[in-house]
Every structure is written in C-alpha cells, then in structure tokens.
Amino acid sequence: MNAPPTLTELKLSPEMKEAINTAFGSGRAVSFSYVDDKGAPHLSYRGSTQAYSDTQLAIWVRNPDGLLLPSVKKNPAVALIYGNFDPKQRGFMMFRGRARIDDSPDVRNRVYEAAHEFERSQDKDRKGIALIIDLNSVEGFFGGARLKMSA
C-alpha cells in the first residue's frame, strides 16, 4: 500500500476552499482560537469563516466590541480547525496564521457578502469587522493527501 502524497506548498486547493466556504451550511463549523490580553485561550465556532485567497482565510466578526478584536491586535497568532468525519469525505485541516483587521470598504463588503446567510442575518446593519488571517501553515489530511503546508 502506497503512502498518501504530502502537500507542502502553502496554497489552498479549490476543494479545500469549498470545504471551508460550505462548512457552516453542511454542519461542519470551523473552530477558531486566540489568546486574550490576559493570556487566556479562547475557542469558538465561527460560521462566517471563508477562504479569502490561496493563502488567507477571513471571518466576519459580528460583535466588534467583544474580546476577539482587541486580543488579536495585541497577539495576532490564531489557529482554526476544520473537521469532516464522514467516512466518504473525511478530512481535517488545522490552520495557523496571523489575524489582522481590514476596515477597507471593499474588503468589508467582500467578507460580509461571502459569509453564510445565517451569519449575515445576525448583523443586517453590517456593524461587524472583517478579520483576515494570513496563513503560516496548514496541517492535516484532506482529499487523500497529507497536509504539511507552510509559508
């Protein structure tokens, strides 16, 4: 039996992007972790997580007054995890990167519009903030390949 191929170039494939972009709607919400200004870890589901480019993810942060934004300003290191336990499509991706706020109108509009309909319905006035995650690495198993991708 041959070992699965290992992907090392940090470049999200169209299939990986599709998995992330449809995670919320398919019941596979992405978990997001960051560390607050007191050094405490936080973990939450982020239904608006989306592939923003070949090397970036994005999240629409509906509550700009919460802990997340000031925390990533102080410590931008974040991690996300996606998991699909369906035996026919099994895949796991662990993302590490650096988060940054992008307040430009074009980016805000793009991230908001690409978020799942439910997420948009929770912030109809678009008071949220676009958070861009510049990826450093992606590890796991997806599409029959091992992932050891890094910048």
Foldseek 3Di string as FASTA:
>chain_A
DDAFAEDAAQFQDPVNQVCQLCCLVVVWFKKKWFAFPVRHIDIDTAQLWGAPGRFKIKGWAQDPPDRPQVRLVVPQWMKMKTFDPPPVWGWIKIWIFGKDWDPDPVQLVVSLVSGDPVVCVVRVVSPTTMIMTGTAAMAIDGPRYTYTYGD
